[in-house]
Amino acid sequence: MARLSATAPFLHPDCEITDTRLGRYVEIGRGSRVAHSVIGDYSYCDRYADIANAEIGKFANIASFARIGPTDHPMDRASLHHFHYRSADYWDDAQNDPDFFAHRRARIARIGHDTWIGHGAVIRPEVTVGHGAVVAAKAVVTRDVAPYEIVAGIPAKPLRMRFAPQIVERLIALAWWDWDHQTLRARLDDFRSLPIEAFLEKYETG
């Protein structure tokens, strides 16, 4: 029997999931924390990923210890410390700062379909990683990543494209990530064996 299901996400032990919508066939690795996010169908994260204020597409591959949408401290105020926005933790007569938290949650990190976020990579708030892109291990992504681009480094910089521009355009137009579960199964052997151009030629016409 298949381990993953359309009806419930597969959550490994010690996960913390808060205000998050998880799609079909989603898997969340041990000890991961996911908050105020949407994770699309078939996407997964490995152990101890930390995801906040993020919109993640379908078929995303997120390695262990990746961090997506890390929250910022207020660098324009007199103090960086969270005593002035998590104030209720420190004083019985103080309230937390709702405007600060609303601003944090509005700064969405967006991860496209069929992406690969490497081990220990960091995707900053308000950054978009395009469909099919690859973020190398330990990279810190501070700017948008184009579809099917590979980036690495601190800060992350482009290394190369996975495919030629015309192939990228055809893959995005094909949008195979929207195929239903049975269609994916029927075409599984072709995903495994066909070169990219042959795959596109076979399925571009439906």
N, C-alpha and C. Protein backbone atom coordinates (compact mmCIF):
# COMPACT_ATOMS: atom_id res chain seq x y z
N MET A 1 0.84 -1.19 0.00
CA MET A 1 0.00 0.00 0.00
C MET A 1 0.88 1.25 0.00
N ALA A 2 0.51 2.25 -0.81
CA ALA A 2 1.29 3.48 -0.91
C ALA A 2 1.35 4.19 0.44
N ARG A 3 2.50 4.74 0.75
CA ARG A 3 2.71 5.39 2.04
C ARG A 3 2.02 6.76 2.11
N LEU A 4 1.98 7.46 0.99
CA LEU A 4 1.39 8.80 0.97
C LEU A 4 -0.04 8.75 0.46
N SER A 5 -0.83 9.74 0.87
CA SER A 5 -2.27 9.69 0.65
C SER A 5 -2.82 11.03 0.18
N ALA A 6 -3.91 10.97 -0.56
CA ALA A 6 -4.61 12.19 -0.98
C ALA A 6 -5.47 12.76 0.14
N THR A 7 -5.72 11.99 1.16
CA THR A 7 -6.69 12.39 2.18
C THR A 7 -6.07 13.01 3.42
N ALA A 8 -4.79 12.74 3.68
CA ALA A 8 -4.15 13.28 4.88
C ALA A 8 -2.66 13.39 4.66
N PRO A 9 -2.02 14.48 5.11
CA PRO A 9 -0.56 14.59 4.98
C PRO A 9 0.14 13.57 5.87
N PHE A 10 1.34 13.22 5.50
CA PHE A 10 2.17 12.31 6.30
C PHE A 10 3.10 13.17 7.15
N LEU A 11 2.82 13.22 8.44
CA LEU A 11 3.61 14.02 9.37
C LEU A 11 4.50 13.12 10.20
N HIS A 12 5.79 13.32 10.13
CA HIS A 12 6.72 12.57 10.97
C HIS A 12 6.68 13.12 12.40
N PRO A 13 7.29 12.44 13.34
CA PRO A 13 7.20 12.88 14.74
C PRO A 13 7.76 14.29 14.97
N ASP A 14 7.22 14.93 15.99
CA ASP A 14 7.73 16.20 16.52
C ASP A 14 7.59 17.38 15.57
N CYS A 15 6.64 17.31 14.65
CA CYS A 15 6.38 18.46 13.78
C CYS A 15 5.53 19.48 14.52
N GLU A 16 5.69 20.75 14.16
CA GLU A 16 4.83 21.83 14.66
C GLU A 16 4.19 22.49 13.44
N ILE A 17 2.89 22.33 13.29
CA ILE A 17 2.16 22.88 12.15
C ILE A 17 1.15 23.89 12.68
N THR A 18 1.26 25.15 12.23
CA THR A 18 0.39 26.21 12.72
C THR A 18 -0.21 26.97 11.55
N ASP A 19 -1.54 27.08 11.52
CA ASP A 19 -2.22 27.92 10.54
C ASP A 19 -1.69 27.66 9.13
N THR A 20 -1.69 26.39 8.74
CA THR A 20 -1.09 25.98 7.46
C THR A 20 -2.02 25.04 6.73
N ARG A 21 -2.08 25.20 5.41
CA ARG A 21 -2.87 24.30 4.56
C ARG A 21 -1.92 23.38 3.80
N LEU A 22 -2.10 22.08 3.97
CA LEU A 22 -1.26 21.07 3.34
C LEU A 22 -2.04 20.36 2.26
N GLY A 23 -1.44 20.22 1.08
CA GLY A 23 -2.11 19.59 -0.04
C GLY A 23 -2.10 18.08 0.02
N ARG A 24 -2.51 17.46 -1.08
CA ARG A 24 -2.54 16.00 -1.18
C ARG A 24 -1.12 15.45 -1.35
N TYR A 25 -0.90 14.27 -0.78
CA TYR A 25 0.37 13.55 -0.91
C TYR A 25 1.56 14.37 -0.36
N VAL A 26 1.31 15.18 0.62
CA VAL A 26 2.36 16.01 1.23
C VAL A 26 3.01 15.24 2.38
N GLU A 27 4.32 15.42 2.54
CA GLU A 27 5.06 14.80 3.64
C GLU A 27 5.89 15.86 4.35
N ILE A 28 5.81 15.88 5.68
CA ILE A 28 6.56 16.84 6.49
C ILE A 28 7.52 16.06 7.38
N GLY A 29 8.82 16.34 7.24
CA GLY A 29 9.85 15.57 7.91
C GLY A 29 9.93 15.83 9.41
N ARG A 30 10.55 14.91 10.10
CA ARG A 30 10.68 14.94 11.55
C ARG A 30 11.18 16.30 12.04
N GLY A 31 10.53 16.81 13.08
CA GLY A 31 10.98 18.01 13.74
C GLY A 31 10.80 19.30 12.96
N SER A 32 10.11 19.24 11.83
CA SER A 32 9.93 20.45 11.02
C SER A 32 8.89 21.36 11.65
N ARG A 33 9.05 22.65 11.39
CA ARG A 33 8.11 23.65 11.86
C ARG A 33 7.56 24.40 10.66
N VAL A 34 6.24 24.44 10.54
CA VAL A 34 5.59 25.11 9.41
C VAL A 34 4.49 26.00 9.97
N ALA A 35 4.54 27.28 9.61
CA ALA A 35 3.57 28.23 10.17
C ALA A 35 3.08 29.20 9.11
N HIS A 36 1.77 29.47 9.11
CA HIS A 36 1.16 30.51 8.27
C HIS A 36 1.54 30.33 6.80
N SER A 37 1.40 29.10 6.32
CA SER A 37 1.88 28.77 4.98
C SER A 37 0.87 27.90 4.23
N VAL A 38 1.12 27.76 2.94
CA VAL A 38 0.38 26.84 2.08
C VAL A 38 1.42 25.97 1.38
N ILE A 39 1.23 24.66 1.44
CA ILE A 39 2.14 23.72 0.78
C ILE A 39 1.34 22.89 -0.20
N GLY A 40 1.72 22.96 -1.47
CA GLY A 40 0.94 22.34 -2.54
C GLY A 40 1.08 20.83 -2.61
N ASP A 41 0.23 20.23 -3.43
CA ASP A 41 0.18 18.79 -3.61
C ASP A 41 1.56 18.21 -3.95
N TYR A 42 1.86 17.06 -3.37
CA TYR A 42 3.05 16.26 -3.64
C TYR A 42 4.35 16.88 -3.11
N SER A 43 4.29 18.05 -2.52
CA SER A 43 5.50 18.66 -1.99
C SER A 43 5.88 18.00 -0.67
N TYR A 44 7.17 18.06 -0.34
CA TYR A 44 7.62 17.50 0.93
C TYR A 44 8.81 18.31 1.45
N CYS A 45 9.01 18.23 2.75
CA CYS A 45 10.26 18.71 3.33
C CYS A 45 10.87 17.60 4.16
N ASP A 46 12.18 17.58 4.19
CA ASP A 46 12.91 16.60 4.98
C ASP A 46 13.01 17.11 6.42
N ARG A 47 13.84 16.52 7.22
CA ARG A 47 13.93 16.78 8.66
C ARG A 47 14.29 18.22 8.99
N TYR A 48 13.61 18.73 10.01
CA TYR A 48 13.96 20.00 10.64
C TYR A 48 13.95 21.20 9.68
N ALA A 49 13.08 21.14 8.70
CA ALA A 49 12.85 22.34 7.89
C ALA A 49 12.07 23.35 8.72
N ASP A 50 12.25 24.61 8.42
CA ASP A 50 11.58 25.70 9.14
C ASP A 50 10.95 26.61 8.09
N ILE A 51 9.63 26.60 8.00
CA ILE A 51 8.92 27.29 6.94
C ILE A 51 7.89 28.22 7.57
N ALA A 52 7.92 29.49 7.18
CA ALA A 52 6.96 30.44 7.74
C ALA A 52 6.54 31.44 6.66
N ASN A 53 5.27 31.81 6.67
CA ASN A 53 4.78 32.86 5.78
C ASN A 53 5.19 32.56 4.33
N ALA A 54 4.84 31.37 3.88
CA ALA A 54 5.29 30.91 2.57
C ALA A 54 4.14 30.30 1.77
N GLU A 55 4.26 30.45 0.46
CA GLU A 55 3.37 29.77 -0.49
C GLU A 55 4.25 28.86 -1.34
N ILE A 56 4.07 27.56 -1.17
CA ILE A 56 4.91 26.57 -1.83
C ILE A 56 4.06 25.80 -2.82
N GLY A 57 4.54 25.70 -4.04
CA GLY A 57 3.78 25.06 -5.10
C GLY A 57 3.76 23.55 -4.97
N LYS A 58 3.40 22.89 -6.06
CA LYS A 58 3.32 21.44 -6.10
C LYS A 58 4.69 20.83 -6.41
N PHE A 59 4.92 19.64 -5.92
CA PHE A 59 6.12 18.85 -6.23
C PHE A 59 7.41 19.54 -5.78
N ALA A 60 7.34 20.40 -4.77
CA ALA A 60 8.55 21.02 -4.24
C ALA A 60 9.33 19.99 -3.42
N ASN A 61 10.64 20.02 -3.56
CA ASN A 61 11.55 19.11 -2.86
C ASN A 61 12.41 19.95 -1.93
N ILE A 62 12.14 19.89 -0.63
CA ILE A 62 12.79 20.77 0.33
C ILE A 62 13.64 19.90 1.26
N ALA A 63 14.94 20.10 1.20
CA ALA A 63 15.88 19.26 1.95
C ALA A 63 15.89 19.61 3.44
N SER A 64 16.59 18.79 4.20
CA SER A 64 16.66 18.96 5.64
C SER A 64 17.29 20.30 6.01
N PHE A 65 16.81 20.86 7.11
CA PHE A 65 17.34 22.10 7.70
C PHE A 65 17.21 23.32 6.80
N ALA A 66 16.42 23.23 5.73
CA ALA A 66 16.15 24.42 4.93
C ALA A 66 15.28 25.38 5.73
N ARG A 67 15.43 26.66 5.44
CA ARG A 67 14.60 27.67 6.10
C ARG A 67 14.00 28.58 5.03
N ILE A 68 12.69 28.64 5.02
CA ILE A 68 11.96 29.44 4.03
C ILE A 68 11.14 30.49 4.76
N GLY A 69 11.34 31.77 4.38
CA GLY A 69 10.60 32.86 5.01
C GLY A 69 11.01 33.14 6.43
N PRO A 70 12.32 33.13 6.76
CA PRO A 70 12.71 33.40 8.15
C PRO A 70 12.27 34.80 8.56
N THR A 71 11.81 34.92 9.77
CA THR A 71 11.29 36.20 10.23
C THR A 71 12.44 37.16 10.58
N ASP A 72 12.17 38.45 10.39
CA ASP A 72 13.17 39.48 10.64
C ASP A 72 12.99 40.11 12.02
N HIS A 73 14.06 40.68 12.52
CA HIS A 73 13.98 41.57 13.67
C HIS A 73 13.93 43.01 13.16
N PRO A 74 13.35 43.92 13.94
CA PRO A 74 13.16 45.30 13.47
C PRO A 74 14.44 46.13 13.56
N MET A 75 15.17 46.24 12.48
CA MET A 75 16.46 46.91 12.49
C MET A 75 16.34 48.43 12.51
N ASP A 76 15.14 48.97 12.27
CA ASP A 76 14.96 50.41 12.24
C ASP A 76 14.49 50.98 13.58
N ARG A 77 14.39 50.13 14.60
CA ARG A 77 13.95 50.59 15.91
C ARG A 77 15.14 50.66 16.88
N ALA A 78 14.87 51.20 18.06
CA ALA A 78 15.94 51.35 19.04
C ALA A 78 16.53 50.03 19.49
N SER A 79 15.71 48.95 19.43
CA SER A 79 16.19 47.63 19.84
C SER A 79 15.76 46.58 18.82
N LEU A 80 16.61 45.59 18.63
CA LEU A 80 16.28 44.44 17.79
C LEU A 80 15.43 43.41 18.54
N HIS A 81 15.47 43.45 19.86
CA HIS A 81 14.94 42.38 20.70
C HIS A 81 13.42 42.29 20.63
N HIS A 82 12.91 41.08 20.84
CA HIS A 82 11.47 40.90 20.71
C HIS A 82 10.66 41.28 21.95
N PHE A 83 11.32 41.87 22.96
CA PHE A 83 10.53 42.30 24.12
C PHE A 83 9.51 43.37 23.74
N HIS A 84 9.78 44.13 22.68
CA HIS A 84 8.83 45.20 22.36
C HIS A 84 7.76 44.79 21.36
N TYR A 85 7.79 43.56 20.85
CA TYR A 85 6.64 43.07 20.09
C TYR A 85 6.07 41.77 20.67
N ARG A 86 6.83 41.05 21.46
CA ARG A 86 6.30 39.93 22.25
C ARG A 86 6.20 40.35 23.72
N SER A 87 5.66 41.52 23.93
CA SER A 87 5.72 42.17 25.25
C SER A 87 4.96 41.41 26.32
N ALA A 88 3.89 40.70 25.95
CA ALA A 88 3.10 39.97 26.95
C ALA A 88 3.91 38.86 27.61
N ASP A 89 4.99 38.43 26.99
CA ASP A 89 5.85 37.42 27.60
C ASP A 89 6.66 37.99 28.76
N TYR A 90 6.75 39.31 28.83
CA TYR A 90 7.63 39.95 29.80
C TYR A 90 6.89 40.72 30.89
N TRP A 91 5.69 41.24 30.58
CA TRP A 91 4.93 42.03 31.55
C TRP A 91 3.47 41.62 31.54
N ASP A 92 2.91 41.46 32.71
CA ASP A 92 1.49 41.09 32.83
C ASP A 92 0.56 42.14 32.26
N ASP A 93 0.97 43.40 32.28
CA ASP A 93 0.07 44.46 31.84
C ASP A 93 0.38 44.97 30.43
N ALA A 94 1.21 44.25 29.67
CA ALA A 94 1.55 44.66 28.29
C ALA A 94 0.95 43.69 27.28
N GLN A 95 0.66 44.20 26.11
CA GLN A 95 0.14 43.39 25.02
C GLN A 95 1.20 43.24 23.93
N ASN A 96 1.09 42.14 23.19
CA ASN A 96 1.94 41.99 22.01
C ASN A 96 1.56 43.04 20.96
N ASP A 97 2.45 43.26 20.02
CA ASP A 97 2.26 44.28 18.98
C ASP A 97 1.65 43.64 17.74
N PRO A 98 0.33 43.76 17.54
CA PRO A 98 -0.30 43.06 16.41
C PRO A 98 0.14 43.59 15.05
N ASP A 99 0.46 44.87 14.95
CA ASP A 99 0.89 45.43 13.67
C ASP A 99 2.22 44.83 13.21
N PHE A 100 3.10 44.58 14.15
CA PHE A 100 4.38 43.98 13.80
C PHE A 100 4.19 42.58 13.22
N PHE A 101 3.34 41.78 13.87
CA PHE A 101 3.12 40.42 13.38
C PHE A 101 2.36 40.40 12.06
N ALA A 102 1.44 41.34 11.87
CA ALA A 102 0.72 41.43 10.59
C ALA A 102 1.69 41.77 9.46
N HIS A 103 2.62 42.66 9.74
CA HIS A 103 3.63 43.01 8.73
C HIS A 103 4.50 41.81 8.38
N ARG A 104 4.91 41.04 9.38
CA ARG A 104 5.71 39.84 9.15
C ARG A 104 4.98 38.86 8.22
N ARG A 105 3.71 38.61 8.54
CA ARG A 105 2.96 37.60 7.80
C ARG A 105 2.65 38.03 6.38
N ALA A 106 2.70 39.34 6.13
CA ALA A 106 2.43 39.84 4.78
C ALA A 106 3.63 39.68 3.85
N ARG A 107 4.78 39.38 4.40
CA ARG A 107 6.01 39.28 3.59
C ARG A 107 6.21 37.83 3.15
N ILE A 108 5.49 37.44 2.12
CA ILE A 108 5.39 36.04 1.70
C ILE A 108 6.60 35.63 0.85
N ALA A 109 7.17 34.47 1.18
CA ALA A 109 8.13 33.80 0.29
C ALA A 109 7.36 32.84 -0.60
N ARG A 110 7.68 32.84 -1.89
CA ARG A 110 6.94 32.01 -2.85
C ARG A 110 7.89 31.05 -3.54
N ILE A 111 7.54 29.77 -3.49
CA ILE A 111 8.35 28.71 -4.09
C ILE A 111 7.50 28.05 -5.18
N GLY A 112 8.03 27.97 -6.38
CA GLY A 112 7.27 27.44 -7.51
C GLY A 112 7.12 25.93 -7.50
N HIS A 113 6.50 25.42 -8.56
CA HIS A 113 6.29 23.98 -8.74
C HIS A 113 7.62 23.30 -9.12
N ASP A 114 7.77 22.05 -8.68
CA ASP A 114 8.90 21.20 -9.08
C ASP A 114 10.25 21.85 -8.79
N THR A 115 10.38 22.46 -7.63
CA THR A 115 11.62 23.10 -7.23
C THR A 115 12.42 22.20 -6.30
N TRP A 116 13.70 22.53 -6.14
CA TRP A 116 14.58 21.78 -5.24
C TRP A 116 15.32 22.79 -4.38
N ILE A 117 15.02 22.77 -3.10
CA ILE A 117 15.67 23.65 -2.13
C ILE A 117 16.66 22.79 -1.34
N GLY A 118 17.94 23.08 -1.48
CA GLY A 118 18.97 22.22 -0.93
C GLY A 118 19.13 22.30 0.58
N HIS A 119 19.90 21.37 1.12
CA HIS A 119 20.13 21.26 2.57
C HIS A 119 20.64 22.57 3.15
N GLY A 120 19.97 23.05 4.18
CA GLY A 120 20.43 24.23 4.88
C GLY A 120 20.27 25.54 4.13
N ALA A 121 19.59 25.53 3.00
CA ALA A 121 19.40 26.77 2.25
C ALA A 121 18.42 27.68 2.98
N VAL A 122 18.55 28.97 2.73
CA VAL A 122 17.66 29.97 3.31
C VAL A 122 17.03 30.78 2.18
N ILE A 123 15.71 30.87 2.20
CA ILE A 123 14.97 31.69 1.23
C ILE A 123 14.37 32.85 2.01
N ARG A 124 14.79 34.05 1.72
CA ARG A 124 14.36 35.22 2.47
C ARG A 124 12.90 35.57 2.19
N PRO A 125 12.25 36.30 3.11
CA PRO A 125 10.89 36.77 2.86
C PRO A 125 10.80 37.61 1.59
N GLU A 126 9.65 37.55 0.94
CA GLU A 126 9.34 38.32 -0.27
C GLU A 126 10.17 37.92 -1.48
N VAL A 127 10.85 36.78 -1.42
CA VAL A 127 11.59 36.25 -2.55
C VAL A 127 10.72 35.21 -3.26
N THR A 128 10.79 35.18 -4.59
CA THR A 128 10.11 34.17 -5.39
C THR A 128 11.14 33.26 -6.04
N VAL A 129 10.98 31.96 -5.86
CA VAL A 129 11.80 30.96 -6.54
C VAL A 129 10.92 30.34 -7.62
N GLY A 130 11.31 30.52 -8.88
CA GLY A 130 10.46 30.12 -10.00
C GLY A 130 10.34 28.62 -10.16
N HIS A 131 9.35 28.21 -10.98
CA HIS A 131 9.13 26.80 -11.26
C HIS A 131 10.42 26.14 -11.74
N GLY A 132 10.67 24.92 -11.26
CA GLY A 132 11.79 24.14 -11.76
C GLY A 132 13.16 24.60 -11.31
N ALA A 133 13.23 25.62 -10.47
CA ALA A 133 14.53 26.15 -10.05
C ALA A 133 15.18 25.25 -9.00
N VAL A 134 16.50 25.39 -8.88
CA VAL A 134 17.29 24.64 -7.91
C VAL A 134 18.10 25.63 -7.07
N VAL A 135 17.98 25.51 -5.75
CA VAL A 135 18.76 26.31 -4.82
C VAL A 135 19.76 25.38 -4.14
N ALA A 136 21.03 25.67 -4.30
CA ALA A 136 22.07 24.78 -3.78
C ALA A 136 22.09 24.76 -2.26
N ALA A 137 22.67 23.72 -1.70
CA ALA A 137 22.83 23.59 -0.26
C ALA A 137 23.55 24.81 0.31
N LYS A 138 23.05 25.28 1.45
CA LYS A 138 23.64 26.39 2.22
C LYS A 138 23.52 27.75 1.55
N ALA A 139 22.86 27.83 0.40
CA ALA A 139 22.68 29.11 -0.27
C ALA A 139 21.76 30.01 0.56
N VAL A 140 21.96 31.31 0.44
CA VAL A 140 21.08 32.29 1.05
C VAL A 140 20.49 33.13 -0.08
N VAL A 141 19.20 32.94 -0.33
CA VAL A 141 18.55 33.55 -1.49
C VAL A 141 17.90 34.85 -1.06
N THR A 142 18.42 35.95 -1.59
CA THR A 142 17.93 37.28 -1.23
C THR A 142 17.21 37.96 -2.39
N ARG A 143 17.26 37.37 -3.58
CA ARG A 143 16.60 37.92 -4.77
C ARG A 143 15.86 36.81 -5.49
N ASP A 144 14.92 37.21 -6.32
CA ASP A 144 14.12 36.23 -7.06
C ASP A 144 15.00 35.33 -7.91
N VAL A 145 14.56 34.07 -8.05
CA VAL A 145 15.25 33.08 -8.87
C VAL A 145 14.36 32.76 -10.05
N ALA A 146 14.90 32.84 -11.24
CA ALA A 146 14.11 32.61 -12.46
C ALA A 146 13.70 31.15 -12.58
N PRO A 147 12.62 30.86 -13.29
CA PRO A 147 12.25 29.47 -13.52
C PRO A 147 13.40 28.67 -14.14
N TYR A 148 13.64 27.49 -13.60
CA TYR A 148 14.63 26.54 -14.10
C TYR A 148 16.07 27.06 -13.98
N GLU A 149 16.29 28.03 -13.12
CA GLU A 149 17.63 28.54 -12.85
C GLU A 149 18.23 27.80 -11.66
N ILE A 150 19.55 27.60 -11.67
CA ILE A 150 20.28 27.02 -10.55
C ILE A 150 21.10 28.13 -9.91
N VAL A 151 20.93 28.30 -8.58
CA VAL A 151 21.67 29.34 -7.86
C VAL A 151 22.42 28.73 -6.69
N ALA A 152 23.50 29.39 -6.28
CA ALA A 152 24.30 28.92 -5.16
C ALA A 152 25.04 30.10 -4.55
N GLY A 153 25.44 29.93 -3.28
CA GLY A 153 26.30 30.92 -2.65
C GLY A 153 25.61 31.80 -1.64
N ILE A 154 26.40 32.70 -1.02
CA ILE A 154 25.91 33.64 -0.01
C ILE A 154 26.43 35.02 -0.40
N PRO A 155 25.55 35.89 -0.90
CA PRO A 155 24.17 35.62 -1.29
C PRO A 155 24.13 34.78 -2.56
N ALA A 156 23.03 34.12 -2.80
CA ALA A 156 22.92 33.22 -3.94
C ALA A 156 23.04 33.98 -5.26
N LYS A 157 23.79 33.39 -6.18
CA LYS A 157 23.96 33.95 -7.52
C LYS A 157 23.73 32.86 -8.56
N PRO A 158 23.31 33.25 -9.77
CA PRO A 158 23.04 32.24 -10.80
C PRO A 158 24.30 31.45 -11.18
N LEU A 159 24.13 30.14 -11.32
CA LEU A 159 25.19 29.28 -11.85
C LEU A 159 24.94 28.98 -13.32
N ARG A 160 23.75 28.50 -13.60
CA ARG A 160 23.36 28.20 -14.99
C ARG A 160 21.88 27.90 -15.02
N MET A 161 21.34 27.78 -16.23
CA MET A 161 19.97 27.34 -16.41
C MET A 161 19.95 25.82 -16.57
N ARG A 162 18.90 25.20 -16.09
CA ARG A 162 18.78 23.75 -16.27
C ARG A 162 18.58 23.39 -17.73
N PHE A 163 17.84 24.20 -18.45
CA PHE A 163 17.51 23.93 -19.85
C PHE A 163 17.60 25.21 -20.67
N ALA A 164 17.66 25.07 -21.97
CA ALA A 164 17.63 26.21 -22.87
C ALA A 164 16.29 26.95 -22.73
N PRO A 165 16.26 28.26 -23.05
CA PRO A 165 15.04 29.04 -22.85
C PRO A 165 13.81 28.46 -23.52
N GLN A 166 13.96 27.91 -24.72
CA GLN A 166 12.78 27.37 -25.41
C GLN A 166 12.24 26.12 -24.71
N ILE A 167 13.12 25.34 -24.10
CA ILE A 167 12.67 24.18 -23.33
C ILE A 167 11.94 24.63 -22.07
N VAL A 168 12.48 25.66 -21.41
CA VAL A 168 11.81 26.20 -20.22
C VAL A 168 10.41 26.68 -20.56
N GLU A 169 10.27 27.41 -21.65
CA GLU A 169 8.95 27.91 -22.06
C GLU A 169 7.98 26.75 -22.31
N ARG A 170 8.48 25.71 -22.96
CA ARG A 170 7.62 24.56 -23.27
C ARG A 170 7.21 23.81 -22.01
N LEU A 171 8.14 23.66 -21.07
CA LEU A 171 7.81 22.98 -19.81
C LEU A 171 6.76 23.76 -19.02
N ILE A 172 6.92 25.06 -18.95
CA ILE A 172 5.95 25.88 -18.21
C ILE A 172 4.59 25.81 -18.91
N ALA A 173 4.58 25.84 -20.23
CA ALA A 173 3.31 25.73 -20.96
C ALA A 173 2.67 24.36 -20.76
N LEU A 174 3.49 23.31 -20.71
CA LEU A 174 2.97 21.96 -20.50
C LEU A 174 2.32 21.83 -19.13
N ALA A 175 2.94 22.45 -18.11
CA ALA A 175 2.39 22.45 -16.74
C ALA A 175 2.00 21.05 -16.29
N TRP A 176 2.93 20.11 -16.44
CA TRP A 176 2.63 18.72 -16.08
C TRP A 176 2.23 18.58 -14.61
N TRP A 177 2.65 19.52 -13.77
CA TRP A 177 2.32 19.46 -12.34
C TRP A 177 0.83 19.58 -12.07
N ASP A 178 0.07 19.96 -13.08
CA ASP A 178 -1.39 20.00 -12.94
C ASP A 178 -2.08 18.72 -13.39
N TRP A 179 -1.31 17.75 -13.88
CA TRP A 179 -1.92 16.48 -14.27
C TRP A 179 -2.49 15.77 -13.04
N ASP A 180 -3.54 15.00 -13.24
CA ASP A 180 -4.12 14.30 -12.10
C ASP A 180 -3.29 13.07 -11.73
N HIS A 181 -3.63 12.48 -10.61
CA HIS A 181 -2.83 11.39 -10.04
C HIS A 181 -2.74 10.19 -10.99
N GLN A 182 -3.83 9.84 -11.61
CA GLN A 182 -3.82 8.69 -12.52
C GLN A 182 -3.02 8.98 -13.78
N THR A 183 -3.08 10.20 -14.27
CA THR A 183 -2.27 10.56 -15.45
C THR A 183 -0.79 10.49 -15.12
N LEU A 184 -0.41 10.98 -13.96
CA LEU A 184 0.99 10.87 -13.54
C LEU A 184 1.43 9.40 -13.51
N ARG A 185 0.56 8.54 -12.99
CA ARG A 185 0.91 7.11 -12.92
C ARG A 185 1.03 6.52 -14.32
N ALA A 186 0.13 6.89 -15.20
CA ALA A 186 0.14 6.35 -16.56
C ALA A 186 1.40 6.78 -17.32
N ARG A 187 1.94 7.92 -16.99
CA ARG A 187 3.09 8.46 -17.71
C ARG A 187 4.39 8.32 -16.91
N LEU A 188 4.35 7.56 -15.84
CA LEU A 188 5.50 7.40 -14.97
C LEU A 188 6.72 6.88 -15.71
N ASP A 189 6.55 5.87 -16.55
CA ASP A 189 7.69 5.31 -17.28
C ASP A 189 8.35 6.35 -18.18
N ASP A 190 7.54 7.24 -18.76
CA ASP A 190 8.10 8.27 -19.62
C ASP A 190 8.85 9.33 -18.81
N PHE A 191 8.35 9.67 -17.62
CA PHE A 191 9.12 10.55 -16.74
C PHE A 191 10.49 9.96 -16.46
N ARG A 192 10.53 8.65 -16.30
CA ARG A 192 11.79 7.99 -15.95
C ARG A 192 12.75 7.85 -17.13
N SER A 193 12.23 7.66 -18.32
CA SER A 193 13.09 7.21 -19.41
C SER A 193 13.26 8.19 -20.57
N LEU A 194 12.32 9.08 -20.81
CA LEU A 194 12.41 9.91 -22.01
C LEU A 194 13.30 11.13 -21.79
N PRO A 195 14.17 11.45 -22.74
CA PRO A 195 14.87 12.74 -22.69
C PRO A 195 13.86 13.88 -22.71
N ILE A 196 14.26 15.03 -22.22
CA ILE A 196 13.31 16.11 -22.03
C ILE A 196 12.60 16.51 -23.32
N GLU A 197 13.31 16.60 -24.43
CA GLU A 197 12.66 17.01 -25.68
C GLU A 197 11.67 15.96 -26.15
N ALA A 198 12.03 14.69 -26.00
CA ALA A 198 11.11 13.63 -26.39
C ALA A 198 9.86 13.64 -25.52
N PHE A 199 10.05 13.90 -24.24
CA PHE A 199 8.91 13.98 -23.33
C PHE A 199 7.98 15.10 -23.74
N LEU A 200 8.55 16.26 -24.02
CA LEU A 200 7.72 17.39 -24.44
C LEU A 200 6.99 17.09 -25.75
N GLU A 201 7.70 16.55 -26.71
CA GLU A 201 7.08 16.26 -27.99
C GLU A 201 5.90 15.28 -27.85
N LYS A 202 6.06 14.34 -26.94
CA LYS A 202 5.02 13.34 -26.77
C LYS A 202 3.76 13.92 -26.14
N TYR A 203 3.92 14.89 -25.22
CA TYR A 203 2.76 15.31 -24.43
C TYR A 203 2.29 16.74 -24.69
N GLU A 204 2.99 17.50 -25.52
CA GLU A 204 2.55 18.87 -25.77
C GLU A 204 1.20 18.94 -26.45
N THR A 205 0.88 17.96 -27.23
CA THR A 205 -0.41 17.98 -27.93
C THR A 205 -1.52 17.30 -27.13
N GLY A 206 -1.21 16.89 -25.90
CA GLY A 206 -2.21 16.28 -25.03
C GLY A 206 -2.28 14.79 -25.20
